[in-house]
Protein backbone atom coordinates (compact mmCIF):
# COMPACT_ATOMS: atom_id res chain seq x y z
CA MET A 1 152.60 94.71 71.62
CA THR A 2 150.27 97.32 70.50
CA PRO A 3 149.49 100.86 70.69
CA ARG A 4 151.69 100.31 72.99
CA THR A 5 151.74 98.41 76.11
CA ARG A 6 155.07 98.56 76.36
CA ALA A 7 153.91 83.29 83.26
CA PRO A 8 153.11 80.77 85.70
CA VAL A 9 151.96 77.96 87.98
CA ALA A 10 151.16 74.82 86.13
CA PHE A 11 147.39 74.72 86.06
CA ILE A 12 146.47 71.11 86.47
CA VAL A 13 142.75 70.59 87.11
CA LEU A 14 142.83 67.15 88.64
CA GLY A 15 139.24 66.41 87.62
CA ASN A 16 140.14 66.86 83.96
CA ALA A 17 141.58 63.89 82.06
CA ARG A 18 143.54 66.05 79.64
CA SER A 19 145.07 67.94 82.56
CA ARG A 20 146.00 64.70 84.31
CA ASP A 21 147.69 63.52 81.11
CA LEU A 22 149.59 66.81 80.87
CA PHE A 23 150.68 66.54 84.49
CA GLY A 24 151.87 63.00 83.93
CA ALA A 25 153.87 64.05 80.88
CA ILE A 26 155.50 66.93 82.76
CA ALA A 27 156.18 64.76 85.77
CA ALA A 28 157.93 62.23 83.54
CA LEU A 29 159.94 65.03 81.96
CA VAL A 30 161.22 66.55 85.17
CA GLY A 31 161.26 63.57 87.50
CA TYR A 32 158.40 64.46 89.82
CA ASN A 33 159.40 65.20 93.39
CA ALA A 34 157.10 66.84 95.93
CA SER A 35 159.90 67.84 98.30
CA MET A 36 160.10 71.49 99.29
CA SER A 37 163.80 72.03 98.67
CA ALA A 38 165.12 75.41 97.59
CA PHE A 39 164.96 77.05 94.19
CA ALA A 40 168.28 77.58 92.46
CA GLN A 41 169.27 80.30 90.02
CA SER A 42 169.76 78.89 86.53
CA SER A 43 170.30 79.98 82.96
CA GLN A 44 166.78 78.98 81.92
CA PRO A 45 164.28 76.12 82.22
CA THR A 46 164.55 73.28 79.73
CA HIS A 47 163.00 73.83 76.32
CA ASP A 48 160.46 71.05 76.94
CA LEU A 49 159.43 72.52 80.30
CA ARG A 50 158.91 75.99 78.84
CA GLN A 51 156.92 74.50 75.98
CA ALA A 52 154.79 72.63 78.51
CA TYR A 53 154.04 75.93 80.24
CA LEU A 54 153.15 77.71 76.99
CA SER A 55 150.94 74.80 75.95
CA SER A 56 149.11 74.94 79.28
CA LEU A 57 147.92 78.49 78.54
CA PRO A 58 144.45 78.73 76.97
CA GLU A 59 145.53 81.87 75.05
CA PRO A 60 148.81 82.99 73.43
CA GLN A 61 151.64 84.45 75.48
CA GLU A 62 151.81 88.25 75.83
CA TRP A 63 154.64 89.94 73.89
CA PHE A 64 155.34 92.47 76.65
CA LEU A 65 155.85 89.67 79.16
CA GLU A 66 157.90 87.62 76.72
CA GLU A 67 160.34 90.51 76.40
CA LEU A 68 160.67 90.60 80.19
CA VAL A 69 161.14 86.83 80.34
CA GLU A 70 163.92 86.96 77.75
CA ALA A 71 165.77 89.54 79.85
CA GLY A 72 164.86 87.90 83.17
CA GLN A 73 166.54 85.84 85.86
CA PHE A 74 165.47 82.21 86.07
CA TRP A 75 164.95 80.24 89.27
CA THR A 76 164.24 76.52 89.02
CA HIS A 77 163.16 73.85 91.48
CA GLU A 78 164.12 70.20 91.24
CA ASP A 79 160.48 69.17 90.77
CA GLY A 80 160.23 71.17 87.52
CA SER A 81 158.74 74.38 88.90
CA TYR A 82 160.36 77.64 87.84
CA GLY A 83 159.97 81.37 88.13
CA VAL A 84 161.32 84.28 86.12
CA LEU A 85 162.17 87.58 87.77
CA HIS A 86 162.73 90.87 86.00
CA GLY A 87 164.25 93.04 88.68
CA GLN A 88 161.92 92.68 91.67
CA THR A 89 158.94 91.63 89.54
CA LEU A 90 157.92 88.02 89.02
CA VAL A 91 156.86 87.79 85.37
CA GLU A 92 156.39 84.04 84.94
CA TYR A 93 155.78 81.09 87.25
CA PHE A 94 155.10 77.48 86.37
CA SER A 95 154.74 74.37 88.52
CA ALA A 96 153.97 70.81 87.50
CA ASP A 97 152.90 70.14 91.09
CA ALA A 98 149.40 71.60 91.24
CA ALA A 99 148.84 70.47 94.80
CA HIS A 100 151.83 72.41 96.10
CA ALA A 101 152.01 75.27 93.59
CA GLY A 102 151.05 77.90 96.18
CA GLU A 103 153.57 76.58 98.71
CA LEU A 104 156.31 76.53 96.09
CA LEU A 105 155.51 80.10 95.08
CA SER A 106 155.70 81.13 98.73
CA ALA A 107 159.11 79.44 98.98
CA LEU A 108 160.29 81.29 95.89
CA HIS A 109 159.15 84.57 97.43
CA ASP A 110 160.99 83.80 100.66
CA GLN A 111 164.17 83.20 98.67
CA THR A 112 164.02 86.10 96.24
CA SER A 113 161.79 88.68 97.99
CA PHE A 114 160.10 89.75 94.75
CA SER A 115 157.79 92.68 95.48
CA MET A 116 155.46 92.57 92.47
CA ALA A 117 154.09 90.05 90.01
CA LEU A 118 152.59 90.41 86.55
CA ALA A 119 150.17 87.73 85.40
CA LYS A 120 147.84 87.22 82.50
CA SER A 121 144.28 86.81 83.75
CA PHE A 122 143.92 83.63 81.69
CA ASP A 123 146.94 82.12 83.47
CA ARG A 124 144.63 80.95 86.24
CA PRO A 125 147.11 78.77 88.17
CA PHE A 126 149.55 81.67 88.55
CA VAL A 127 146.75 84.03 89.55
CA GLN A 128 145.36 81.56 92.08
CA SER A 129 148.78 80.95 93.63
CA LEU A 130 149.34 84.70 94.02
CA LYS A 131 145.96 85.00 95.72
CA GLN A 132 146.99 82.20 98.08
CA LEU A 133 149.84 84.48 99.18
CA GLY A 134 147.20 87.05 100.11
CA TRP A 135 148.24 89.41 97.33
CA ALA A 136 145.68 91.58 95.55
CA ALA A 137 145.61 92.66 91.91
CA SER A 138 144.91 95.74 89.86
CA VAL A 139 144.35 95.79 86.10
CA GLY A 140 147.44 97.03 84.29
CA GLY A 141 146.37 96.36 80.73
CA HIS A 142 143.85 94.89 78.31
CA LEU A 143 144.82 91.79 76.32
CA PHE A 144 143.10 91.21 72.97
CA ARG A 145 143.01 87.60 71.82
CA LYS A 146 139.86 87.56 69.69
CA ARG A 147 138.85 89.43 66.55
CA SER A 148 135.27 89.73 65.31
CA ALA A 149 133.65 91.31 62.27
CA TYR A 150 134.35 95.01 61.73
CA ASP A 151 133.59 97.81 59.31
CA ARG A 152 136.81 98.76 57.54
CA THR A 153 137.32 102.38 56.57
CA ASP A 154 139.93 103.07 53.91
CA ILE A 155 141.85 106.33 53.90
CA ALA A 156 142.62 107.26 50.31
CA ALA A 157 145.68 109.36 51.16
CA ALA A 158 147.23 106.69 53.40
CA GLN A 159 149.73 104.13 52.17
CA ILE A 160 151.61 101.38 53.97
CA ARG A 161 154.98 100.00 52.90
CA PRO A 162 157.95 98.20 54.50
CA ALA A 163 160.14 100.66 56.40
CA THR A 164 163.67 101.40 55.27
CA GLN A 165 166.64 102.67 57.23
CA ASP A 166 165.98 106.07 55.67
CA ASP A 167 162.68 106.17 57.61
CA VAL A 168 164.22 105.56 61.02
CA GLN A 169 164.90 109.15 62.04
CA SER A 170 161.41 110.24 60.97
CA HIS A 171 159.82 107.52 63.09
CA TRP A 172 162.00 108.48 66.03
CA HIS A 173 161.08 112.12 65.57
CA ILE A 174 157.34 111.42 65.93
CA ASN A 175 157.92 108.89 68.70
CA ASP A 176 155.62 109.31 71.70
CA ASP A 177 156.93 106.71 74.17
CA PHE A 178 156.23 103.96 71.65
CA PHE A 179 159.89 103.14 71.03
CA GLU A 180 162.45 103.13 73.82
CA THR A 181 165.48 103.95 71.68
CA GLU A 182 166.31 104.90 68.12
CA ASP A 183 168.35 101.70 67.90
CA GLU A 184 165.14 99.75 68.51
CA VAL A 185 163.53 101.43 65.50
CA ARG A 186 166.59 100.70 63.39
CA ALA A 187 166.63 97.03 64.42
CA LEU A 188 162.93 96.58 63.63
CA ALA A 189 163.40 98.08 60.19
CA ASP A 190 166.44 95.90 59.61
CA ARG A 191 164.49 92.73 60.52
CA GLY A 192 161.53 93.66 58.33
CA ARG A 193 159.23 94.07 61.33
CA LEU A 194 158.45 97.76 60.84
CA LEU A 195 155.93 99.27 58.41
CA THR A 196 155.92 102.92 57.39
CA VAL A 197 152.59 104.70 57.00
CA THR A 198 152.45 107.84 54.88
CA MET A 199 149.78 110.42 54.17
CA ASP A 200 150.33 112.77 51.26
CA ARG A 201 153.91 111.41 51.05
CA GLU A 202 154.72 112.42 54.62
CA ILE A 203 155.45 109.80 57.28
CA ALA A 204 152.40 109.81 59.54
CA GLY A 205 152.88 106.68 61.62
CA CYS A 206 154.06 103.11 61.66
CA GLY A 207 153.07 99.55 62.37
CA VAL A 208 155.11 96.89 64.15
CA PHE A 209 154.54 93.15 64.05
CA GLN A 210 156.44 90.43 65.91
CA ARG A 211 156.06 86.65 66.16
CA VAL A 212 155.67 86.16 69.92
CA ILE A 213 157.07 82.61 70.03
CA ALA A 214 159.02 81.35 67.02
CA ASP A 215 157.15 78.07 66.54
CA ARG A 216 153.66 79.34 67.40
CA ASP A 217 151.08 81.20 65.34
CA ALA A 218 150.52 84.35 67.44
CA VAL A 219 151.79 87.61 65.95
CA ASP A 220 151.74 90.71 68.15
CA ILE A 221 150.86 93.92 66.35
CA GLY A 222 151.20 97.54 67.41
CA MET A 223 151.01 100.94 65.85
CA MET A 224 151.90 104.58 66.38
CA VAL A 225 150.32 107.66 64.81
CA ALA A 226 152.01 111.06 64.59
CA PRO A 227 150.40 113.61 66.95
CA ASN A 228 149.39 115.98 64.14
CA VAL A 229 147.25 113.38 62.31
CA ARG A 230 145.48 111.71 65.22
CA ARG A 231 141.71 111.38 65.56
CA LYS A 232 141.31 110.85 61.82
CA GLY A 233 140.91 107.08 61.84
CA LEU A 234 144.51 106.41 60.82
CA GLY A 235 145.22 104.20 63.84
CA THR A 236 142.28 101.93 63.04
CA PHE A 237 143.37 101.85 59.39
CA ILE A 238 146.88 100.69 60.38
CA VAL A 239 145.66 98.03 62.82
CA CYS A 240 143.17 96.64 60.29
CA ALA A 241 145.77 96.50 57.53
CA MET A 242 148.27 94.65 59.72
CA ALA A 243 145.73 92.25 61.24
CA ASP A 244 144.31 91.42 57.80
CA ARG A 245 147.82 90.74 56.51
CA VAL A 246 148.63 88.44 59.44
CA GLU A 247 145.37 86.52 59.04
CA ALA A 248 145.97 86.16 55.29
CA GLU A 249 149.20 84.34 56.15
CA GLY A 250 147.28 81.87 58.30
CA LEU A 251 148.56 83.36 61.56
CA ARG A 252 146.79 84.88 64.55
CA PRO A 253 147.05 88.61 65.31
CA ILE A 254 147.05 89.55 68.99
CA CYS A 255 147.59 92.85 70.77
CA GLY A 256 147.23 94.74 74.03
CA CYS A 257 147.18 98.20 75.55
CA GLY A 258 147.55 99.87 78.92
CA ALA A 259 144.51 100.02 81.17
CA ARG A 260 144.48 103.81 81.07
CA ASN A 261 145.06 104.07 77.33
CA THR A 262 141.40 104.46 76.39
CA ALA A 263 142.21 105.83 72.94
CA SER A 264 144.22 102.74 71.99
CA LYS A 265 141.56 100.43 73.40
CA ALA A 266 138.90 102.15 71.30
CA THR A 267 141.10 101.93 68.20
CA LEU A 268 141.62 98.20 68.65
CA GLU A 269 137.92 97.61 69.21
CA LYS A 270 137.06 99.52 66.02
CA ALA A 271 139.44 97.16 64.21
CA GLY A 272 137.41 94.20 65.47
CA PHE A 273 139.53 93.15 68.43
CA VAL A 274 137.80 91.97 71.60
CA SER A 275 139.38 91.95 75.05
CA ASN A 276 138.18 89.30 77.48
CA HIS A 277 141.47 89.20 79.39
CA GLN A 278 143.70 91.54 81.37
CA LEU A 279 147.30 91.94 82.41
CA LEU A 280 147.13 91.89 86.22
CA SER A 281 149.60 93.59 88.52
CA PHE A 282 149.89 91.97 91.95
CA ALA A 283 151.49 93.47 95.02
CA GLN A 284 151.66 92.49 98.66
CA GLY A 285 149.19 94.26 100.90
CA ARG A 286 147.53 96.17 98.04
């Protein structure tokens, strides 16, 4: 998540021993079959298959996409390939059959007629399969998966504490398209995932942190600053405080922002985050 930017063909490099081992393990799991039969709508892929996909990624899953996956429609193929659609957008695609991944994606498109696709730039198999369809990409967001040294600036008047239900309306009042509903704010506070930031005893912003995948170490962080106290370094202060806290717990802070949100990108970079990856938006004939 992050200030706030409110999945995939199996990438099997056949020249790589580790990749061949992974392919063999997946093939054993799903009962490898190269036939080009139809995809079928299903409740979800098996737990082991989804874990195989997540393990194939060189970087942690993106929280924004994970939210779309959780609310998405699953289509599975008998060979173990699957896709996840959110409306008319393909948000995840995975295939254990590297040799036919592009053909299988084309078959899925013929069946479902998805009109867009969102892919992490580091999910190279998915990206390559989309390019095989002749689709072109634009950058929709910046994904931060690395953090380097930074100069921390403390703000004496700023304090951070766990949010309470009494804070909810104040956070909603200063909301600037960060939260979708007041109920979302209330739920985050209730789950202990929302931090309240005050300056001179007035609520001036918030921080949100979420474990992206329950059994993995990536924690997505995001923040919001009230309009009247922006450009004072408070955003960087919040991001640093949250990232430091996550790292102190032995976990990995990650984040992202929209491609046009230059202010958020600068804030994250000041907090030491480095973006070498993008969220790509693909469309036919772009």
